C-alpha atoms as a PDB file:
ATOM      1  CA  MET A   1     -19.876  23.862  13.083  1.00  0.00           C
ATOM      2  CA  HIS A   2     -20.070  20.423  14.905  1.00  0.00           C
ATOM      3  CA  PHE A   3     -17.207  18.814  16.741  1.00  0.00           C
ATOM      4  CA  ALA A   4     -16.292  15.458  18.291  1.00  0.00           C
ATOM      5  CA  GLU A   5     -13.322  14.085  20.077  1.00  0.00           C
ATOM      6  CA  VAL A   6     -12.023  10.517  20.330  1.00  0.00           C
ATOM      7  CA  ASP A   7      -9.002   9.034  22.084  1.00  0.00           C
ATOM      8  CA  THR A   8      -7.231   6.284  20.212  1.00  0.00           C
ATOM      9  CA  GLY A   9      -4.051   4.971  21.969  1.00  0.00           C
ATOM     10  CA  ASP A  10      -1.586   7.745  22.384  1.00  0.00           C
ATOM     11  CA  TYR A  11      -3.569   9.873  19.897  1.00  0.00           C
ATOM     12  CA  ARG A  12      -6.633  12.195  20.320  1.00  0.00           C
ATOM     13  CA  ILE A  13      -8.739  12.668  17.130  1.00  0.00           C
ATOM     14  CA  TYR A  14     -10.555  15.995  16.661  1.00  0.00           C
ATOM     15  CA  ALA A  15     -13.259  15.702  14.067  1.00  0.00           C
ATOM     16  CA  GLY A  16     -15.320  18.416  12.513  1.00  0.00           C
ATOM     17  CA  ALA A  17     -18.360  18.922  10.428  1.00  0.00           C
ATOM     18  CA  ILE A  18     -18.452  22.305   8.775  1.00  0.00           C
ATOM     19  CA  GLU A  19     -21.455  23.550   6.851  1.00  0.00           C
ATOM     20  CA  ARG A  20     -20.568  24.440   3.269  1.00  0.00           C
ATOM     21  CA  PRO A  21     -21.255  28.084   2.442  1.00  0.00           C
ATOM     22  CA  ARG A  22     -23.860  28.515  -0.380  1.00  0.00           C
ATOM     23  CA  GLN A  23     -24.028  24.748  -1.031  1.00  0.00           C
ATOM     24  CA  PHE A  24     -25.682  21.767   0.452  1.00  0.00           C
ATOM     25  CA  GLY A  25     -24.088  19.506   3.198  1.00  0.00           C
ATOM     26  CA  TYR A  26     -21.218  19.419   5.573  1.00  0.00           C
ATOM     27  CA  VAL A  27     -17.495  19.061   4.885  1.00  0.00           C
ATOM     28  CA  ALA A  28     -15.613  16.616   7.118  1.00  0.00           C
ATOM     29  CA  ALA A  29     -12.288  17.649   8.694  1.00  0.00           C
ATOM     30  CA  VAL A  30      -9.952  15.947  11.029  1.00  0.00           C
ATOM     31  CA  VAL A  31      -6.912  16.706  13.204  1.00  0.00           C
ATOM     32  CA  VAL A  32      -4.917  14.049  15.038  1.00  0.00           C
ATOM     33  CA  VAL A  33      -2.717  14.970  18.054  1.00  0.00           C
ATOM     34  CA  ARG A  34      -0.115  12.795  19.711  1.00  0.00           C
ATOM     35  CA  MET A  35      -0.869  12.638  23.436  1.00  0.00           C
ATOM     36  CA  GLY A  36       1.782  10.414  24.905  1.00  0.00           C
ATOM     37  CA  ALA A  37       3.457  10.994  28.333  1.00  0.00           C
ATOM     38  CA  ILE A  38       6.272  12.944  26.903  1.00  0.00           C
ATOM     39  CA  GLU A  39       4.087  15.042  24.656  1.00  0.00           C
ATOM     40  CA  ALA A  40       1.652  15.834  27.294  1.00  0.00           C
ATOM     41  CA  MET A  41       3.502  19.104  27.997  1.00  0.00           C
ATOM     42  CA  ASN A  42       3.990  19.808  24.284  1.00  0.00           C
ATOM     43  CA  LYS A  43       1.189  18.236  22.129  1.00  0.00           C
ATOM     44  CA  ARG A  44       2.345  17.518  18.546  1.00  0.00           C
ATOM     45  CA  GLU A  45      -0.023  17.607  15.503  1.00  0.00           C
ATOM     46  CA  ALA A  46       0.393  14.225  13.661  1.00  0.00           C
ATOM     47  CA  PHE A  47      -2.194  14.572  10.883  1.00  0.00           C
ATOM     48  CA  ARG A  48      -4.478  17.100   9.495  1.00  0.00           C
ATOM     49  CA  ASP A  49      -7.067  17.175   6.640  1.00  0.00           C
ATOM     50  CA  GLU A  50      -9.493  19.932   6.467  1.00  0.00           C
ATOM     51  CA  ASN A  51     -11.173  18.852   3.170  1.00  0.00           C
ATOM     52  CA  LEU A  52     -11.764  15.074   3.525  1.00  0.00           C
ATOM     53  CA  ALA A  53     -13.180  13.212   0.484  1.00  0.00           C
ATOM     54  CA  GLY A  54     -12.295  16.101  -1.733  1.00  0.00           C
ATOM     55  CA  GLY A  55     -14.863  18.340  -0.002  1.00  0.00           C
ATOM     56  CA  TYR A  56     -17.829  16.002  -0.477  1.00  0.00           C
ATOM     57  CA  GLY A  57     -21.028  17.437   1.036  1.00  0.00           C
ATOM     58  CA  TRP A  58     -22.338  14.952   3.607  1.00  0.00           C
ATOM     59  CA  ALA A  59     -26.044  15.323   4.107  1.00  0.00           C
ATOM     60  CA  THR A  60     -25.885  15.505   7.995  1.00  0.00           C
ATOM     61  CA  PRO A  61     -23.237  16.540  10.353  1.00  0.00           C
ATOM     62  CA  ALA A  62     -23.350  13.094  12.016  1.00  0.00           C
ATOM     63  CA  GLU A  63     -22.359  11.449   8.741  1.00  0.00           C
ATOM     64  CA  ALA A  64     -19.518  13.963   8.285  1.00  0.00           C
ATOM     65  CA  LEU A  65     -18.220  13.391  11.892  1.00  0.00           C
ATOM     66  CA  ARG A  66     -18.425   9.628  11.496  1.00  0.00           C
ATOM     67  CA  PHE A  67     -16.350   9.819   8.351  1.00  0.00           C
ATOM     68  CA  ALA A  68     -13.803  12.219   9.894  1.00  0.00           C
ATOM     69  CA  ILE A  69     -13.304   9.982  12.906  1.00  0.00           C
ATOM     70  CA  SER A  70     -12.920   6.863  10.681  1.00  0.00           C
ATOM     71  CA  ALA A  71     -10.281   8.791   8.668  1.00  0.00           C
ATOM     72  CA  GLY A  72      -8.407   9.800  11.888  1.00  0.00           C
ATOM     73  CA  LYS A  73      -8.432   6.240  13.168  1.00  0.00           C
ATOM     74  CA  GLU A  74      -7.113   5.045   9.866  1.00  0.00           C
ATOM     75  CA  ALA A  75      -4.261   7.554   9.974  1.00  0.00           C
ATOM     76  CA  VAL A  76      -3.490   6.352  13.387  1.00  0.00           C
ATOM     77  CA  MET A  77      -3.588   2.694  12.592  1.00  0.00           C
ATOM     78  CA  CYS A  78      -1.853   2.750   9.264  1.00  0.00           C
ATOM     79  CA  ARG A  79       0.483   5.860   9.899  1.00  0.00           C
ATOM     80  CA  ILE A  80      -0.470   7.037   6.363  1.00  0.00           C
ATOM     81  CA  GLY A  81       0.181  10.764   5.952  1.00  0.00           C
ATOM     82  CA  MET A  82       1.356  11.099   9.619  1.00  0.00           C
ATOM     83  CA  TYR A  83       3.868  13.815  10.285  1.00  0.00           C
ATOM     84  CA  THR A  84       7.087  12.703  12.033  1.00  0.00           C
END
């Protein structure tokens, strides 16, 4: 497993590249957590997708992480699929 964290505004994006068992490549996963002043004591998950791109097998963990971070930023900017 490979992980990365990125702060975007009031949100923190947790990206993961998970090696696929018995198959080639890495699956991209992302969790977005709201980190505003009020939520600092009680962090709230705003978005989660553990099987980005339908489980596509990225050749390297760096590619999977880049895709996951991009998907997290898109969720933050567009508010698509965000939990309320």
